[in-house]
mmCIF file of all heavy atoms, coordinates in Angstrom:
data_MODEL
# 
_entry.id   MODEL 
# 
loop_
_atom_site.group_PDB 
_atom_site.id 
_atom_site.type_symbol 
_atom_site.label_atom_id 
_atom_site.label_alt_id 
_atom_site.label_comp_id 
_atom_site.label_asym_id 
_atom_site.label_entity_id 
_atom_site.label_seq_id 
_atom_site.pdbx_PDB_ins_code 
_atom_site.Cartn_x 
_atom_site.Cartn_y 
_atom_site.Cartn_z 
_atom_site.occupancy 
_atom_site.B_iso_or_equiv 
_atom_site.pdbx_formal_charge 
_atom_site.auth_seq_id 
_atom_site.auth_comp_id 
_atom_site.auth_asym_id 
_atom_site.auth_atom_id 
_atom_site.pdbx_PDB_model_num 
ATOM 1   N N   . GLN A 1 1  ? -27.989 0.879   -4.623 1.00 0.00 ? 1  GLN A N   1 
ATOM 2   C CA  . GLN A 1 1  ? -26.693 0.344   -4.235 1.00 0.00 ? 1  GLN A CA  1 
ATOM 3   C C   . GLN A 1 1  ? -26.321 0.890   -2.859 1.00 0.00 ? 1  GLN A C   1 
ATOM 4   O O   . GLN A 1 1  ? -26.627 2.031   -2.530 1.00 0.00 ? 1  GLN A O   1 
ATOM 5   C CB  . GLN A 1 1  ? -25.610 0.718   -5.247 1.00 0.00 ? 1  GLN A CB  1 
ATOM 6   C CG  . GLN A 1 1  ? -25.327 2.210   -5.340 1.00 0.00 ? 1  GLN A CG  1 
ATOM 7   C CD  . GLN A 1 1  ? -24.218 2.536   -6.328 1.00 0.00 ? 1  GLN A CD  1 
ATOM 8   O OE1 . GLN A 1 1  ? -23.654 1.632   -6.948 1.00 0.00 ? 1  GLN A OE1 1 
ATOM 9   N NE2 . GLN A 1 1  ? -23.907 3.820   -6.475 1.00 0.00 ? 1  GLN A NE2 1 
ATOM 10  N N   . VAL A 1 2  ? -25.671 0.048   -2.069 1.00 0.00 ? 2  VAL A N   1 
ATOM 11  C CA  . VAL A 1 2  ? -25.128 0.485   -0.791 1.00 0.00 ? 2  VAL A CA  1 
ATOM 12  C C   . VAL A 1 2  ? -23.672 0.826   -1.028 1.00 0.00 ? 2  VAL A C   1 
ATOM 13  O O   . VAL A 1 2  ? -22.848 -0.056  -1.282 1.00 0.00 ? 2  VAL A O   1 
ATOM 14  C CB  . VAL A 1 2  ? -25.262 -0.591  0.301  1.00 0.00 ? 2  VAL A CB  1 
ATOM 15  C CG1 . VAL A 1 2  ? -24.622 -0.118  1.598  1.00 0.00 ? 2  VAL A CG1 1 
ATOM 16  C CG2 . VAL A 1 2  ? -26.730 -0.927  0.535  1.00 0.00 ? 2  VAL A CG2 1 
ATOM 17  N N   . ALA A 1 3  ? -23.365 2.123   -0.975 1.00 0.00 ? 3  ALA A N   1 
ATOM 18  C CA  . ALA A 1 3  ? -22.007 2.579   -1.262 1.00 0.00 ? 3  ALA A CA  1 
ATOM 19  C C   . ALA A 1 3  ? -21.184 2.740   -0.003 1.00 0.00 ? 3  ALA A C   1 
ATOM 20  O O   . ALA A 1 3  ? -19.958 2.604   -0.024 1.00 0.00 ? 3  ALA A O   1 
ATOM 21  C CB  . ALA A 1 3  ? -22.051 3.898   -2.028 1.00 0.00 ? 3  ALA A CB  1 
ATOM 22  N N   . LYS A 1 4  ? -21.851 3.053   1.129  1.00 0.00 ? 4  LYS A N   1 
ATOM 23  C CA  . LYS A 1 4  ? -21.136 3.331   2.369  1.00 0.00 ? 4  LYS A CA  1 
ATOM 24  C C   . LYS A 1 4  ? -21.903 2.761   3.548  1.00 0.00 ? 4  LYS A C   1 
ATOM 25  O O   . LYS A 1 4  ? -23.126 2.725   3.547  1.00 0.00 ? 4  LYS A O   1 
ATOM 26  C CB  . LYS A 1 4  ? -20.943 4.846   2.545  1.00 0.00 ? 4  LYS A CB  1 
ATOM 27  C CG  . LYS A 1 4  ? -20.155 5.505   1.409  1.00 0.00 ? 4  LYS A CG  1 
ATOM 28  C CD  . LYS A 1 4  ? -20.002 7.003   1.607  1.00 0.00 ? 4  LYS A CD  1 
ATOM 29  C CE  . LYS A 1 4  ? -19.211 7.613   0.441  1.00 0.00 ? 4  LYS A CE  1 
ATOM 30  N NZ  . LYS A 1 4  ? -19.017 9.071   0.607  1.00 0.00 ? 4  LYS A NZ  1 
ATOM 31  N N   . VAL A 1 5  ? -21.154 2.341   4.565  1.00 0.00 ? 5  VAL A N   1 
ATOM 32  C CA  . VAL A 1 5  ? -21.773 1.810   5.788  1.00 0.00 ? 5  VAL A CA  1 
ATOM 33  C C   . VAL A 1 5  ? -21.052 2.387   7.005  1.00 0.00 ? 5  VAL A C   1 
ATOM 34  O O   . VAL A 1 5  ? -19.913 2.856   6.910  1.00 0.00 ? 5  VAL A O   1 
ATOM 35  C CB  . VAL A 1 5  ? -21.710 0.266   5.842  1.00 0.00 ? 5  VAL A CB  1 
ATOM 36  C CG1 . VAL A 1 5  ? -22.433 -0.363  4.664  1.00 0.00 ? 5  VAL A CG1 1 
ATOM 37  C CG2 . VAL A 1 5  ? -20.262 -0.219  5.917  1.00 0.00 ? 5  VAL A CG2 1 
ATOM 38  N N   . ALA A 1 6  ? -21.759 2.324   8.134  1.00 0.00 ? 6  ALA A N   1 
ATOM 39  C CA  . ALA A 1 6  ? -21.161 2.789   9.391  1.00 0.00 ? 6  ALA A CA  1 
ATOM 40  C C   . ALA A 1 6  ? -21.543 1.839   10.520 1.00 0.00 ? 6  ALA A C   1 
ATOM 41  O O   . ALA A 1 6  ? -22.663 1.321   10.560 1.00 0.00 ? 6  ALA A O   1 
ATOM 42  C CB  . ALA A 1 6  ? -21.642 4.203   9.721  1.00 0.00 ? 6  ALA A CB  1 
ATOM 43  N N   . ASP A 1 7  ? -20.596 1.637   11.413 1.00 0.00 ? 7  ASP A N   1 
ATOM 44  C CA  . ASP A 1 7  ? -20.824 0.823   12.601 1.00 0.00 ? 7  ASP A CA  1 
ATOM 45  C C   . ASP A 1 7  ? -19.703 1.158   13.597 1.00 0.00 ? 7  ASP A C   1 
ATOM 46  O O   . ASP A 1 7  ? -18.543 1.299   13.183 1.00 0.00 ? 7  ASP A O   1 
ATOM 47  C CB  . ASP A 1 7  ? -20.794 -0.673  12.261 1.00 0.00 ? 7  ASP A CB  1 
ATOM 48  C CG  . ASP A 1 7  ? -21.359 -1.544  13.373 1.00 0.00 ? 7  ASP A CG  1 
ATOM 49  O OD1 . ASP A 1 7  ? -20.715 -1.652  14.452 1.00 0.00 ? 7  ASP A OD1 1 
ATOM 50  O OD2 . ASP A 1 7  ? -22.446 -2.116  13.171 1.00 0.00 ? 7  ASP A OD2 1 
ATOM 51  N N   . PRO A 1 8  ? -20.036 1.296   14.892 1.00 0.00 ? 8  PRO A N   1 
ATOM 52  C CA  . PRO A 1 8  ? -18.991 1.624   15.869 1.00 0.00 ? 8  PRO A CA  1 
ATOM 53  C C   . PRO A 1 8  ? -17.995 0.502   16.108 1.00 0.00 ? 8  PRO A C   1 
ATOM 54  O O   . PRO A 1 8  ? -16.931 0.726   16.684 1.00 0.00 ? 8  PRO A O   1 
ATOM 55  C CB  . PRO A 1 8  ? -19.781 1.953   17.131 1.00 0.00 ? 8  PRO A CB  1 
ATOM 56  C CG  . PRO A 1 8  ? -21.078 1.230   16.976 1.00 0.00 ? 8  PRO A CG  1 
ATOM 57  C CD  . PRO A 1 8  ? -21.374 1.270   15.513 1.00 0.00 ? 8  PRO A CD  1 
ATOM 58  N N   . SER A 1 9  ? -18.335 -0.716  15.653 1.00 0.00 ? 9  SER A N   1 
ATOM 59  C CA  . SER A 1 9  ? -17.451 -1.862  15.876 1.00 0.00 ? 9  SER A CA  1 
ATOM 60  C C   . SER A 1 9  ? -16.461 -2.028  14.722 1.00 0.00 ? 9  SER A C   1 
ATOM 61  O O   . SER A 1 9  ? -16.863 -2.296  13.586 1.00 0.00 ? 9  SER A O   1 
ATOM 62  C CB  . SER A 1 9  ? -18.279 -3.141  16.025 1.00 0.00 ? 9  SER A CB  1 
ATOM 63  O OG  . SER A 1 9  ? -17.445 -4.279  16.004 1.00 0.00 ? 9  SER A OG  1 
ATOM 64  N N   . HIS A 1 10 ? -15.183 -1.866  15.043 1.00 0.00 ? 10 HIS A N   1 
ATOM 65  C CA  . HIS A 1 10 ? -14.143 -2.053  14.030 1.00 0.00 ? 10 HIS A CA  1 
ATOM 66  C C   . HIS A 1 10 ? -14.144 -3.496  13.521 1.00 0.00 ? 10 HIS A C   1 
ATOM 67  O O   . HIS A 1 10 ? -13.940 -3.747  12.322 1.00 0.00 ? 10 HIS A O   1 
ATOM 68  C CB  . HIS A 1 10 ? -12.774 -1.706  14.611 1.00 0.00 ? 10 HIS A CB  1 
ATOM 69  C CG  . HIS A 1 10 ? -11.635 -1.934  13.662 1.00 0.00 ? 10 HIS A CG  1 
ATOM 70  N ND1 . HIS A 1 10 ? -11.369 -1.088  12.595 1.00 0.00 ? 10 HIS A ND1 1 
ATOM 71  C CD2 . HIS A 1 10 ? -10.699 -2.936  13.613 1.00 0.00 ? 10 HIS A CD2 1 
ATOM 72  C CE1 . HIS A 1 10 ? -10.325 -1.552  11.931 1.00 0.00 ? 10 HIS A CE1 1 
ATOM 73  N NE2 . HIS A 1 10 ? -9.902  -2.661  12.518 1.00 0.00 ? 10 HIS A NE2 1 
ATOM 74  N N   . GLN A 1 11 ? -14.385 -4.450  14.418 1.00 0.00 ? 11 GLN A N   1 
ATOM 75  C CA  . GLN A 1 11 ? -14.389 -5.856  14.024 1.00 0.00 ? 11 GLN A CA  1 
ATOM 76  C C   . GLN A 1 11 ? -15.511 -6.147  13.039 1.00 0.00 ? 11 GLN A C   1 
ATOM 77  O O   . GLN A 1 11 ? -15.335 -6.876  12.060 1.00 0.00 ? 11 GLN A O   1 
ATOM 78  C CB  . GLN A 1 11 ? -14.520 -6.767  15.254 1.00 0.00 ? 11 GLN A CB  1 
ATOM 79  C CG  . GLN A 1 11 ? -13.303 -6.793  16.168 1.00 0.00 ? 11 GLN A CG  1 
ATOM 80  C CD  . GLN A 1 11 ? -13.221 -5.569  17.081 1.00 0.00 ? 11 GLN A CD  1 
ATOM 81  O OE1 . GLN A 1 11 ? -14.146 -4.748  17.130 1.00 0.00 ? 11 GLN A OE1 1 
ATOM 82  N NE2 . GLN A 1 11 ? -12.111 -5.463  17.806 1.00 0.00 ? 11 GLN A NE2 1 
ATOM 83  N N   . ALA A 1 12 ? -16.706 -5.565  13.308 1.00 0.00 ? 12 ALA A N   1 
ATOM 84  C CA  . ALA A 1 12 ? -17.840 -5.775  12.405 1.00 0.00 ? 12 ALA A CA  1 
ATOM 85  C C   . ALA A 1 12 ? -17.554 -5.192  11.031 1.00 0.00 ? 12 ALA A C   1 
ATOM 86  O O   . ALA A 1 12 ? -17.889 -5.792  9.994  1.00 0.00 ? 12 ALA A O   1 
ATOM 87  C CB  . ALA A 1 12 ? -19.103 -5.148  13.001 1.00 0.00 ? 12 ALA A CB  1 
ATOM 88  N N   . LEU A 1 13 ? -16.919 -4.023  10.994 1.00 0.00 ? 13 LEU A N   1 
ATOM 89  C CA  . LEU A 1 13 ? -16.587 -3.407  9.721  1.00 0.00 ? 13 LEU A CA  1 
ATOM 90  C C   . LEU A 1 13 ? -15.555 -4.227  8.960  1.00 0.00 ? 13 LEU A C   1 
ATOM 91  O O   . LEU A 1 13 ? -15.614 -4.336  7.728  1.00 0.00 ? 13 LEU A O   1 
ATOM 92  C CB  . LEU A 1 13 ? -16.062 -1.987  9.950  1.00 0.00 ? 13 LEU A CB  1 
ATOM 93  C CG  . LEU A 1 13 ? -17.081 -0.952  10.449 1.00 0.00 ? 13 LEU A CG  1 
ATOM 94  C CD1 . LEU A 1 13 ? -16.384 0.375   10.728 1.00 0.00 ? 13 LEU A CD1 1 
ATOM 95  C CD2 . LEU A 1 13 ? -18.207 -0.764  9.450  1.00 0.00 ? 13 LEU A CD2 1 
ATOM 96  N N   . GLN A 1 14 ? -14.622 -4.826  9.678  1.00 0.00 ? 14 GLN A N   1 
ATOM 97  C CA  . GLN A 1 14 ? -13.613 -5.656  9.031  1.00 0.00 ? 14 GLN A CA  1 
ATOM 98  C C   . GLN A 1 14 ? -14.246 -6.902  8.411  1.00 0.00 ? 14 GLN A C   1 
ATOM 99  O O   . GLN A 1 14 ? -13.916 -7.290  7.281  1.00 0.00 ? 14 GLN A O   1 
ATOM 100 C CB  . GLN A 1 14 ? -12.533 -6.067  10.035 1.00 0.00 ? 14 GLN A CB  1 
ATOM 101 C CG  . GLN A 1 14 ? -11.388 -6.859  9.406  1.00 0.00 ? 14 GLN A CG  1 
ATOM 102 C CD  . GLN A 1 14 ? -10.688 -6.077  8.311  1.00 0.00 ? 14 GLN A CD  1 
ATOM 103 O OE1 . GLN A 1 14 ? -10.231 -4.958  8.523  1.00 0.00 ? 14 GLN A OE1 1 
ATOM 104 N NE2 . GLN A 1 14 ? -10.618 -6.652  7.109  1.00 0.00 ? 14 GLN A NE2 1 
ATOM 105 N N   . ARG A 1 15 ? -15.188 -7.520  9.141  1.00 0.00 ? 15 ARG A N   1 
ATOM 106 C CA  . ARG A 1 15 ? -15.879 -8.685  8.589  1.00 0.00 ? 15 ARG A CA  1 
ATOM 107 C C   . ARG A 1 15 ? -16.660 -8.297  7.340  1.00 0.00 ? 15 ARG A C   1 
ATOM 108 O O   . ARG A 1 15 ? -16.702 -9.043  6.361  1.00 0.00 ? 15 ARG A O   1 
ATOM 109 C CB  . ARG A 1 15 ? -16.822 -9.290  9.638  1.00 0.00 ? 15 ARG A CB  1 
ATOM 110 C CG  . ARG A 1 15 ? -16.125 -10.010 10.776 1.00 0.00 ? 15 ARG A CG  1 
ATOM 111 C CD  . ARG A 1 15 ? -17.096 -10.854 11.576 1.00 0.00 ? 15 ARG A CD  1 
ATOM 112 N NE  . ARG A 1 15 ? -18.140 -10.041 12.196 1.00 0.00 ? 15 ARG A NE  1 
ATOM 113 C CZ  . ARG A 1 15 ? -18.038 -9.502  13.415 1.00 0.00 ? 15 ARG A CZ  1 
ATOM 114 N NH1 . ARG A 1 15 ? -16.928 -9.680  14.123 1.00 0.00 ? 15 ARG A NH1 1 
ATOM 115 N NH2 . ARG A 1 15 ? -19.029 -8.788  13.915 1.00 0.00 ? 15 ARG A NH2 1 
ATOM 116 N N   . LEU A 1 16 ? -17.276 -7.116  7.378  1.00 0.00 ? 16 LEU A N   1 
ATOM 117 C CA  . LEU A 1 16 ? -18.043 -6.659  6.223  1.00 0.00 ? 16 LEU A CA  1 
ATOM 118 C C   . LEU A 1 16 ? -17.132 -6.392  5.034  1.00 0.00 ? 16 LEU A C   1 
ATOM 119 O O   . LEU A 1 16 ? -17.464 -6.725  3.885  1.00 0.00 ? 16 LEU A O   1 
ATOM 120 C CB  . LEU A 1 16 ? -18.821 -5.389  6.565  1.00 0.00 ? 16 LEU A CB  1 
ATOM 121 C CG  . LEU A 1 16 ? -19.752 -4.924  5.447  1.00 0.00 ? 16 LEU A CG  1 
ATOM 122 C CD1 . LEU A 1 16 ? -21.067 -5.684  5.525  1.00 0.00 ? 16 LEU A CD1 1 
ATOM 123 C CD2 . LEU A 1 16 ? -20.014 -3.438  5.513  1.00 0.00 ? 16 LEU A CD2 1 
ATOM 124 N N   . ALA A 1 17 ? -15.968 -5.787  5.288  1.00 0.00 ? 17 ALA A N   1 
ATOM 125 C CA  . ALA A 1 17 ? -15.024 -5.482  4.211  1.00 0.00 ? 17 ALA A CA  1 
ATOM 126 C C   . ALA A 1 17 ? -14.560 -6.749  3.509  1.00 0.00 ? 17 ALA A C   1 
ATOM 127 O O   . ALA A 1 17 ? -14.315 -6.745  2.292  1.00 0.00 ? 17 ALA A O   1 
ATOM 128 C CB  . ALA A 1 17 ? -13.839 -4.706  4.767  1.00 0.00 ? 17 ALA A CB  1 
ATOM 129 N N   . ASP A 1 18 ? -14.439 -7.839  4.246  1.00 0.00 ? 18 ASP A N   1 
ATOM 130 C CA  . ASP A 1 18 ? -14.047 -9.104  3.643  1.00 0.00 ? 18 ASP A CA  1 
ATOM 131 C C   . ASP A 1 18 ? -15.119 -9.602  2.669  1.00 0.00 ? 18 ASP A C   1 
ATOM 132 O O   . ASP A 1 18 ? -14.807 -10.251 1.665  1.00 0.00 ? 18 ASP A O   1 
ATOM 133 C CB  . ASP A 1 18 ? -13.807 -10.158 4.728  1.00 0.00 ? 18 ASP A CB  1 
ATOM 134 C CG  . ASP A 1 18 ? -12.605 -9.820  5.595  1.00 0.00 ? 18 ASP A CG  1 
ATOM 135 O OD1 . ASP A 1 18 ? -11.747 -9.034  5.138  1.00 0.00 ? 18 ASP A OD1 1 
ATOM 136 O OD2 . ASP A 1 18 ? -12.543 -10.319 6.742  1.00 0.00 ? 18 ASP A OD2 1 
ATOM 137 N N   . ARG A 1 19 ? -16.383 -9.297  2.980  1.00 0.00 ? 19 ARG A N   1 
ATOM 138 C CA  . ARG A 1 19 ? -17.502 -9.767  2.148  1.00 0.00 ? 19 ARG A CA  1 
ATOM 139 C C   . ARG A 1 19 ? -17.838 -8.779  1.033  1.00 0.00 ? 19 ARG A C   1 
ATOM 140 O O   . ARG A 1 19 ? -18.178 -9.185  -0.082 1.00 0.00 ? 19 ARG A O   1 
ATOM 141 C CB  . ARG A 1 19 ? -18.730 -9.996  3.041  1.00 0.00 ? 19 ARG A CB  1 
ATOM 142 C CG  . ARG A 1 19 ? -19.950 -10.512 2.315  1.00 0.00 ? 19 ARG A CG  1 
ATOM 143 C CD  . ARG A 1 19 ? -21.052 -10.855 3.298  1.00 0.00 ? 19 ARG A CD  1 
ATOM 144 N NE  . ARG A 1 19 ? -22.305 -11.179 2.632  1.00 0.00 ? 19 ARG A NE  1 
ATOM 145 C CZ  . ARG A 1 19 ? -23.441 -11.444 3.256  1.00 0.00 ? 19 ARG A CZ  1 
ATOM 146 N NH1 . ARG A 1 19 ? -23.482 -11.434 4.583  1.00 0.00 ? 19 ARG A NH1 1 
ATOM 147 N NH2 . ARG A 1 19 ? -24.531 -11.729 2.579  1.00 0.00 ? 19 ARG A NH2 1 
ATOM 148 N N   . PHE A 1 20 ? -17.757 -7.483  1.344  1.00 0.00 ? 20 PHE A N   1 
ATOM 149 C CA  . PHE A 1 20 ? -18.076 -6.437  0.367  1.00 0.00 ? 20 PHE A CA  1 
ATOM 150 C C   . PHE A 1 20 ? -16.891 -5.466  0.285  1.00 0.00 ? 20 PHE A C   1 
ATOM 151 O O   . PHE A 1 20 ? -16.947 -4.357  0.819  1.00 0.00 ? 20 PHE A O   1 
ATOM 152 C CB  . PHE A 1 20 ? -19.342 -5.677  0.778  1.00 0.00 ? 20 PHE A CB  1 
ATOM 153 C CG  . PHE A 1 20 ? -20.572 -6.529  0.926  1.00 0.00 ? 20 PHE A CG  1 
ATOM 154 C CD1 . PHE A 1 20 ? -21.015 -6.929  2.185  1.00 0.00 ? 20 PHE A CD1 1 
ATOM 155 C CD2 . PHE A 1 20 ? -21.295 -6.930  -0.189 1.00 0.00 ? 20 PHE A CD2 1 
ATOM 156 C CE1 . PHE A 1 20 ? -22.157 -7.698  2.327  1.00 0.00 ? 20 PHE A CE1 1 
ATOM 157 C CE2 . PHE A 1 20 ? -22.436 -7.704  -0.058 1.00 0.00 ? 20 PHE A CE2 1 
ATOM 158 C CZ  . PHE A 1 20 ? -22.866 -8.093  1.201  1.00 0.00 ? 20 PHE A CZ  1 
ATOM 159 N N   . PRO A 1 21 ? -15.828 -5.839  -0.378 1.00 0.00 ? 21 PRO A N   1 
ATOM 160 C CA  . PRO A 1 21 ? -14.605 -5.023  -0.362 1.00 0.00 ? 21 PRO A CA  1 
ATOM 161 C C   . PRO A 1 21 ? -14.750 -3.653  -1.019 1.00 0.00 ? 21 PRO A C   1 
ATOM 162 O O   . PRO A 1 21 ? -13.961 -2.754  -0.734 1.00 0.00 ? 21 PRO A O   1 
ATOM 163 C CB  . PRO A 1 21 ? -13.596 -5.895  -1.121 1.00 0.00 ? 21 PRO A CB  1 
ATOM 164 C CG  . PRO A 1 21 ? -14.424 -6.839  -1.928 1.00 0.00 ? 21 PRO A CG  1 
ATOM 165 C CD  . PRO A 1 21 ? -15.654 -7.092  -1.129 1.00 0.00 ? 21 PRO A CD  1 
ATOM 166 N N   . SER A 1 22 ? -15.759 -3.465  -1.868 1.00 0.00 ? 22 SER A N   1 
ATOM 167 C CA  . SER A 1 22 ? -15.888 -2.186  -2.573 1.00 0.00 ? 22 SER A CA  1 
ATOM 168 C C   . SER A 1 22 ? -16.659 -1.134  -1.773 1.00 0.00 ? 22 SER A C   1 
ATOM 169 O O   . SER A 1 22 ? -16.698 0.031   -2.178 1.00 0.00 ? 22 SER A O   1 
ATOM 170 C CB  . SER A 1 22 ? -16.600 -2.403  -3.918 1.00 0.00 ? 22 SER A CB  1 
ATOM 171 O OG  . SER A 1 22 ? -17.926 -2.853  -3.709 1.00 0.00 ? 22 SER A OG  1 
ATOM 172 N N   . ILE A 1 23 ? -17.247 -1.520  -0.643 1.00 0.00 ? 23 ILE A N   1 
ATOM 173 C CA  . ILE A 1 23 ? -18.064 -0.595  0.140  1.00 0.00 ? 23 ILE A CA  1 
ATOM 174 C C   . ILE A 1 23 ? -17.178 0.194   1.098  1.00 0.00 ? 23 ILE A C   1 
ATOM 175 O O   . ILE A 1 23 ? -16.356 -0.364  1.828  1.00 0.00 ? 23 ILE A O   1 
ATOM 176 C CB  . ILE A 1 23 ? -19.153 -1.344  0.922  1.00 0.00 ? 23 ILE A CB  1 
ATOM 177 C CG1 . ILE A 1 23 ? -20.150 -1.973  -0.057 1.00 0.00 ? 23 ILE A CG1 1 
ATOM 178 C CG2 . ILE A 1 23 ? -19.885 -0.409  1.878  1.00 0.00 ? 23 ILE A CG2 1 
ATOM 179 C CD1 . ILE A 1 23 ? -21.261 -2.748  0.622  1.00 0.00 ? 23 ILE A CD1 1 
ATOM 180 N N   . SER A 1 24 ? -17.365 1.500   1.117  1.00 0.00 ? 24 SER A N   1 
ATOM 181 C CA  . SER A 1 24 ? -16.640 2.378   2.039  1.00 0.00 ? 24 SER A CA  1 
ATOM 182 C C   . SER A 1 24 ? -17.209 2.227   3.451  1.00 0.00 ? 24 SER A C   1 
ATOM 183 O O   . SER A 1 24 ? -18.426 2.145   3.630  1.00 0.00 ? 24 SER A O   1 
ATOM 184 C CB  . SER A 1 24 ? -16.776 3.829   1.582  1.00 0.00 ? 24 SER A CB  1 
ATOM 185 O OG  . SER A 1 24 ? -16.195 4.710   2.517  1.00 0.00 ? 24 SER A OG  1 
# 
C-alpha cells in the first residue's frame, strides 16, 4: 500500500488528494 507521498508541487499534491484522499 502507498500510505504517503511527497512532491515539491503543491498543485500536484492537490490533484493527487482529489484522487486518493486517504493518502498522506
